Each structure stands twice: as C-alpha cells, then as structure tokens.
Amino acid sequence: MKKVYLAGPDVFAHNASEVAEQHKTLCSAHGFIPLHPADGSHHTAKAIYQANIALIRSADAVLANINPFRGAEVDSGTAFEIGFAIALGLPVVAYLDGPITVIEQVKKHYGPIYLDQESNQWRDQNENLIENFNLPVNLMLAESCDIVYGDLLAAIIQLQRRWYD
C-alpha cells in the first residue's frame, strides 16, 4: 500500500482530531496508508517541523487542502509542504472547494481591485500586481500540483487515477 501525507490547515480546526480521523479513515478505505501531521506527541515547533519533514520523506505522495486559510491564500505551512514534496519528486494532488481565480480571491478577501490602465494589469488597494493567469492559486502551486475541485475524496480519486489507470 502506498503512503500519502495529508497536508492542509485542517490541523487548526476546532475539531481537528475528528477531521484527522475522518481523513485517515477515508484514505485507508481507498487503499492508502495515511500519514497525518497531527500523529505523534510533538509539542515544540522544531519537533513538529522535524516530524512532518520525516513523514513527507516517507510518503509516496501528498494530498493537500489548498483552500484559502486566514485570507486569500493557501496556508503557508501547506505551501511549504507542497514545495518540499515537489522537490523530493513526489506527486501532489491538491484540492479546493471550487473554482475561483486569484483575482476573485483577492477581491473577496481584501476589497476593491482595479485594472491599471498603463500596464493593463490588475492591482490591489496597495497597488500590488495581482497575478492573472486565470488560476485558482499562485502559478507555482498551480503548475506543480494536480488540482481538483472538491474535497479530500476527489483528491484521493485523482491520485488513484494517476497511479492505477
């Protein structure tokens, strides 16, 4: 059986233990050994980091929740875990609730945006460029992962297709 690391901000949910068990059960039911960052009893930042790195190194793939967390962007820890997995050559299947572009996310979370007439580029209230490739996340994540719209089950199914079809 292949091992999958479960990345995402779900570890911060008020019912994180319950969600973790649901996710692990779902992975097991579909023939994967789940590796969850909440497994273990690590209490310092360094110990948690080292344990998660070890889990990713031992995984065959990563399934990542990339829904916006505390703003318009992917959880920074999840983004790091995805990048680390990609650097190791692991496949990453990321999932989002639904299709929404970076521009739409910025507008939703930070208010008005505008089209700069000189550059013909979208900008936020602070005049920062908003990436406009019609992607749901930053291009570095979008181009390195298989992205599915749905939940963890949708990601599991995509990973199964990748490996077994």
C-alpha atoms as a PDB file:
ATOM      1  CA  MET A   1       0.000   0.000   0.000  1.00  0.00           C
ATOM      2  CA  LYS A   2       1.198   3.482  -0.834  1.00  0.00           C
ATOM      3  CA  LYS A   3       1.621   6.132   1.851  1.00  0.00           C
ATOM      4  CA  VAL A   4       0.074   9.587   1.500  1.00  0.00           C
ATOM      5  CA  TYR A   5       0.889  12.636   3.579  1.00  0.00           C
ATOM      6  CA  LEU A   6      -2.165  14.762   4.399  1.00  0.00           C
ATOM      7  CA  ALA A   7      -1.272  18.451   4.210  1.00  0.00           C
ATOM      8  CA  GLY A   8      -3.548  21.362   4.981  1.00  0.00           C
ATOM      9  CA  PRO A   9      -4.782  23.802   7.574  1.00  0.00           C
ATOM     10  CA  ASP A  10      -7.277  21.254   8.909  1.00  0.00           C
ATOM     11  CA  VAL A  11      -4.879  20.736  11.829  1.00  0.00           C
ATOM     12  CA  PHE A  12      -6.012  24.151  13.114  1.00  0.00           C
ATOM     13  CA  ALA A  13      -9.756  23.430  13.026  1.00  0.00           C
ATOM     14  CA  HIS A  14     -11.677  23.448  16.306  1.00  0.00           C
ATOM     15  CA  ASN A  15     -12.460  19.769  15.648  1.00  0.00           C
ATOM     16  CA  ALA A  16      -9.024  18.915  14.236  1.00  0.00           C
ATOM     17  CA  SER A  17      -8.815  15.467  15.867  1.00  0.00           C
ATOM     18  CA  GLU A  18     -12.193  14.466  14.459  1.00  0.00           C
ATOM     19  CA  VAL A  19     -11.308  15.764  10.981  1.00  0.00           C
ATOM     20  CA  ALA A  20      -7.954  13.951  11.113  1.00  0.00           C
ATOM     21  CA  GLU A  21      -9.650  10.664  11.954  1.00  0.00           C
ATOM     22  CA  GLN A  22     -12.182  11.140   9.138  1.00  0.00           C
ATOM     23  CA  HIS A  23      -9.403  11.879   6.665  1.00  0.00           C
ATOM     24  CA  LYS A  24      -7.301   8.929   7.778  1.00  0.00           C
ATOM     25  CA  THR A  25     -10.308   6.599   7.604  1.00  0.00           C
ATOM     26  CA  LEU A  26     -11.124   7.833   4.098  1.00  0.00           C
ATOM     27  CA  CYS A  27      -7.554   7.238   2.916  1.00  0.00           C
ATOM     28  CA  SER A  28      -7.434   3.770   4.454  1.00  0.00           C
ATOM     29  CA  ALA A  29     -10.780   2.857   2.889  1.00  0.00           C
ATOM     30  CA  HIS A  30      -9.320   3.702  -0.513  1.00  0.00           C
ATOM     31  CA  GLY A  31      -6.158   1.649  -0.113  1.00  0.00           C
ATOM     32  CA  PHE A  32      -3.693   4.240   1.153  1.00  0.00           C
ATOM     33  CA  ILE A  33      -1.714   4.435   4.375  1.00  0.00           C
ATOM     34  CA  PRO A  34      -2.389   7.941   5.746  1.00  0.00           C
ATOM     35  CA  LEU A  35       0.441   9.968   7.243  1.00  0.00           C
ATOM     36  CA  HIS A  36      -1.039  12.811   9.239  1.00  0.00           C
ATOM     37  CA  PRO A  37       0.889  15.762  10.720  1.00  0.00           C
ATOM     38  CA  ALA A  38      -1.121  15.528  13.940  1.00  0.00           C
ATOM     39  CA  ASP A  39       0.069  11.984  14.582  1.00  0.00           C
ATOM     40  CA  GLY A  40       2.579  11.868  17.393  1.00  0.00           C
ATOM     41  CA  SER A  41       3.008  13.900  20.530  1.00  0.00           C
ATOM     42  CA  HIS A  42       5.374  16.652  19.472  1.00  0.00           C
ATOM     43  CA  HIS A  43       4.992  19.934  21.321  1.00  0.00           C
ATOM     44  CA  THR A  44       7.756  22.256  20.168  1.00  0.00           C
ATOM     45  CA  ALA A  45       7.878  23.986  16.799  1.00  0.00           C
ATOM     46  CA  LYS A  46      11.172  22.288  15.944  1.00  0.00           C
ATOM     47  CA  ALA A  47       9.902  18.819  16.879  1.00  0.00           C
ATOM     48  CA  ILE A  48       6.702  19.293  14.858  1.00  0.00           C
ATOM     49  CA  TYR A  49       8.698  20.541  11.860  1.00  0.00           C
ATOM     50  CA  GLN A  50      11.134  17.617  12.028  1.00  0.00           C
ATOM     51  CA  ALA A  51       8.327  15.075  12.413  1.00  0.00           C
ATOM     52  CA  ASN A  52       6.408  16.492   9.455  1.00  0.00           C
ATOM     53  CA  ILE A  53       9.530  16.536   7.276  1.00  0.00           C
ATOM     54  CA  ALA A  54      10.161  12.888   8.183  1.00  0.00           C
ATOM     55  CA  LEU A  55       6.563  11.987   7.319  1.00  0.00           C
ATOM     56  CA  ILE A  56       6.778  13.713   3.930  1.00  0.00           C
ATOM     57  CA  ARG A  57      10.096  11.983   3.204  1.00  0.00           C
ATOM     58  CA  SER A  58       8.467   8.622   3.938  1.00  0.00           C
ATOM     59  CA  ALA A  59       5.402   9.333   1.776  1.00  0.00           C
ATOM     60  CA  ASP A  60       4.722   8.217  -1.780  1.00  0.00           C
ATOM     61  CA  ALA A  61       2.515  11.253  -2.453  1.00  0.00           C
ATOM     62  CA  VAL A  62       0.917  14.280  -0.815  1.00  0.00           C
ATOM     63  CA  LEU A  63      -2.768  15.172  -0.700  1.00  0.00           C
ATOM     64  CA  ALA A  64      -3.123  18.866   0.143  1.00  0.00           C
ATOM     65  CA  ASN A  65      -6.035  21.079   1.149  1.00  0.00           C
ATOM     66  CA  ILE A  66      -5.258  24.382  -0.577  1.00  0.00           C
ATOM     67  CA  ASN A  67      -8.434  26.242   0.286  1.00  0.00           C
ATOM     68  CA  PRO A  68      -7.710  29.812   1.406  1.00  0.00           C
ATOM     69  CA  PHE A  69      -6.764  29.992   5.065  1.00  0.00           C
ATOM     70  CA  ARG A  70      -6.837  33.193   7.109  1.00  0.00           C
ATOM     71  CA  GLY A  71      -7.063  35.283   3.960  1.00  0.00           C
ATOM     72  CA  ALA A  72      -6.947  34.885   0.198  1.00  0.00           C
ATOM     73  CA  GLU A  73      -4.024  32.478   0.057  1.00  0.00           C
ATOM     74  CA  VAL A  74      -3.111  28.892   0.793  1.00  0.00           C
ATOM     75  CA  ASP A  75      -1.884  28.164   4.333  1.00  0.00           C
ATOM     76  CA  SER A  76       1.850  28.935   4.352  1.00  0.00           C
ATOM     77  CA  GLY A  77       2.746  25.660   6.071  1.00  0.00           C
ATOM     78  CA  THR A  78       0.817  23.727   3.444  1.00  0.00           C
ATOM     79  CA  ALA A  79       2.550  25.667   0.659  1.00  0.00           C
ATOM     80  CA  PHE A  80       5.911  24.752   2.195  1.00  0.00           C
ATOM     81  CA  GLU A  81       4.951  21.081   2.474  1.00  0.00           C
ATOM     82  CA  ILE A  82       3.858  21.052  -1.173  1.00  0.00           C
ATOM     83  CA  GLY A  83       7.118  22.646  -2.290  1.00  0.00           C
ATOM     84  CA  PHE A  84       9.154  20.215  -0.221  1.00  0.00           C
ATOM     85  CA  ALA A  85       7.255  17.247  -1.661  1.00  0.00           C
ATOM     86  CA  ILE A  86       7.702  18.542  -5.215  1.00  0.00           C
ATOM     87  CA  ALA A  87      11.439  18.977  -4.559  1.00  0.00           C
ATOM     88  CA  LEU A  88      11.548  15.330  -3.471  1.00  0.00           C
ATOM     89  CA  GLY A  89       9.826  14.311  -6.707  1.00  0.00           C
ATOM     90  CA  LEU A  90       6.579  13.278  -5.034  1.00  0.00           C
ATOM     91  CA  PRO A  91       3.255  13.688  -6.792  1.00  0.00           C
ATOM     92  CA  VAL A  92       0.959  16.219  -5.131  1.00  0.00           C
ATOM     93  CA  VAL A  93      -2.788  16.301  -5.595  1.00  0.00           C
ATOM     94  CA  ALA A  94      -4.287  19.462  -4.151  1.00  0.00           C
ATOM     95  CA  TYR A  95      -7.958  20.160  -3.614  1.00  0.00           C
ATOM     96  CA  LEU A  96     -10.141  23.256  -3.445  1.00  0.00           C
ATOM     97  CA  ASP A  97     -13.836  23.641  -2.708  1.00  0.00           C
ATOM     98  CA  GLY A  98     -14.470  25.180  -6.102  1.00  0.00           C
ATOM     99  CA  PRO A  99     -13.044  27.142  -8.988  1.00  0.00           C
ATOM    100  CA  ILE A 100     -12.221  30.721  -8.098  1.00  0.00           C
ATOM    101  CA  THR A 101      -9.334  32.721  -9.528  1.00  0.00           C
ATOM    102  CA  VAL A 102      -6.616  34.524  -7.606  1.00  0.00           C
ATOM    103  CA  ILE A 103      -8.162  37.823  -8.709  1.00  0.00           C
ATOM    104  CA  GLU A 104     -11.555  36.777  -7.322  1.00  0.00           C
ATOM    105  CA  GLN A 105      -9.944  35.636  -4.056  1.00  0.00           C
ATOM    106  CA  VAL A 106      -8.126  38.933  -3.577  1.00  0.00           C
ATOM    107  CA  LYS A 107     -11.293  40.890  -4.309  1.00  0.00           C
ATOM    108  CA  LYS A 108     -13.286  38.708  -1.895  1.00  0.00           C
ATOM    109  CA  HIS A 109     -10.811  39.000   0.981  1.00  0.00           C
ATOM    110  CA  TYR A 110      -9.267  42.434   0.503  1.00  0.00           C
ATOM    111  CA  GLY A 111     -11.902  44.530  -1.192  1.00  0.00           C
ATOM    112  CA  PRO A 112     -11.777  46.572  -4.348  1.00  0.00           C
ATOM    113  CA  ILE A 113      -9.239  45.884  -7.054  1.00  0.00           C
ATOM    114  CA  TYR A 114      -8.627  47.877 -10.200  1.00  0.00           C
ATOM    115  CA  LEU A 115      -7.270  47.491 -13.700  1.00  0.00           C
ATOM    116  CA  ASP A 116      -4.174  49.657 -14.098  1.00  0.00           C
ATOM    117  CA  GLN A 117      -4.703  51.453 -17.399  1.00  0.00           C
ATOM    118  CA  GLU A 118      -0.987  51.940 -18.060  1.00  0.00           C
ATOM    119  CA  SER A 119       0.066  48.327 -17.582  1.00  0.00           C
ATOM    120  CA  ASN A 120      -3.307  46.678 -18.274  1.00  0.00           C
ATOM    121  CA  GLN A 121      -2.749  44.621 -15.109  1.00  0.00           C
ATOM    122  CA  TRP A 122      -4.940  44.093 -12.077  1.00  0.00           C
ATOM    123  CA  ARG A 123      -3.809  45.656  -8.811  1.00  0.00           C
ATOM    124  CA  ASP A 124      -4.982  45.563  -5.220  1.00  0.00           C
ATOM    125  CA  GLN A 125      -5.659  48.529  -2.921  1.00  0.00           C
ATOM    126  CA  ASN A 126      -1.940  48.791  -2.164  1.00  0.00           C
ATOM    127  CA  GLU A 127      -1.145  48.957  -5.882  1.00  0.00           C
ATOM    128  CA  ASN A 128       0.424  45.494  -5.857  1.00  0.00           C
ATOM    129  CA  LEU A 129       0.115  43.414  -9.000  1.00  0.00           C
ATOM    130  CA  ILE A 130      -2.423  40.588  -8.811  1.00  0.00           C
ATOM    131  CA  GLU A 131      -1.330  37.511 -10.715  1.00  0.00           C
ATOM    132  CA  ASN A 132      -3.781  36.978 -13.580  1.00  0.00           C
ATOM    133  CA  PHE A 133      -3.344  33.589 -15.216  1.00  0.00           C
ATOM    134  CA  ASN A 134      -6.939  32.521 -14.548  1.00  0.00           C
ATOM    135  CA  LEU A 135      -5.640  30.060 -11.950  1.00  0.00           C
ATOM    136  CA  PRO A 136      -7.091  29.292  -8.513  1.00  0.00           C
ATOM    137  CA  VAL A 137      -3.754  29.737  -6.709  1.00  0.00           C
ATOM    138  CA  ASN A 138      -0.298  31.168  -7.367  1.00  0.00           C
ATOM    139  CA  LEU A 139       1.221  29.769 -10.554  1.00  0.00           C
ATOM    140  CA  MET A 140       3.998  27.985  -8.644  1.00  0.00           C
ATOM    141  CA  LEU A 141       1.420  25.820  -6.884  1.00  0.00           C
ATOM    142  CA  ALA A 142      -0.978  25.539  -9.804  1.00  0.00           C
ATOM    143  CA  GLU A 143       1.716  24.324 -12.181  1.00  0.00           C
ATOM    144  CA  SER A 144       3.357  21.889  -9.755  1.00  0.00           C
ATOM    145  CA  CYS A 145       0.257  20.095  -8.463  1.00  0.00           C
ATOM    146  CA  ASP A 146      -2.691  18.238  -9.858  1.00  0.00           C
ATOM    147  CA  ILE A 147      -5.574  20.424  -8.649  1.00  0.00           C
ATOM    148  CA  VAL A 148      -9.080  19.053  -8.245  1.00  0.00           C
ATOM    149  CA  TYR A 149     -12.253  20.822  -7.202  1.00  0.00           C
ATOM    150  CA  GLY A 150     -13.968  19.082  -4.339  1.00  0.00           C
ATOM    151  CA  ASP A 151     -12.841  17.532  -1.108  1.00  0.00           C
ATOM    152  CA  LEU A 152     -10.269  15.004   0.046  1.00  0.00           C
ATOM    153  CA  LEU A 153     -12.208  12.206  -1.652  1.00  0.00           C
ATOM    154  CA  ALA A 154     -11.869  13.982  -5.010  1.00  0.00           C
ATOM    155  CA  ALA A 155      -8.108  14.206  -4.423  1.00  0.00           C
ATOM    156  CA  ILE A 156      -7.905  10.526  -3.475  1.00  0.00           C
ATOM    157  CA  ILE A 157      -9.756   9.548  -6.648  1.00  0.00           C
ATOM    158  CA  GLN A 158      -7.416  11.708  -8.744  1.00  0.00           C
ATOM    159  CA  LEU A 159      -4.368  10.108  -7.127  1.00  0.00           C
ATOM    160  CA  GLN A 160      -5.789   6.633  -7.767  1.00  0.00           C
ATOM    161  CA  ARG A 161      -6.312   7.550 -11.435  1.00  0.00           C
ATOM    162  CA  ARG A 162      -2.766   8.821 -11.651  1.00  0.00           C
ATOM    163  CA  TRP A 163      -1.303   5.630 -10.241  1.00  0.00           C
ATOM    164  CA  TYR A 164      -3.693   2.910 -11.290  1.00  0.00           C
ATOM    165  CA  ASP A 165      -5.367   3.896 -14.570  1.00  0.00           C
END
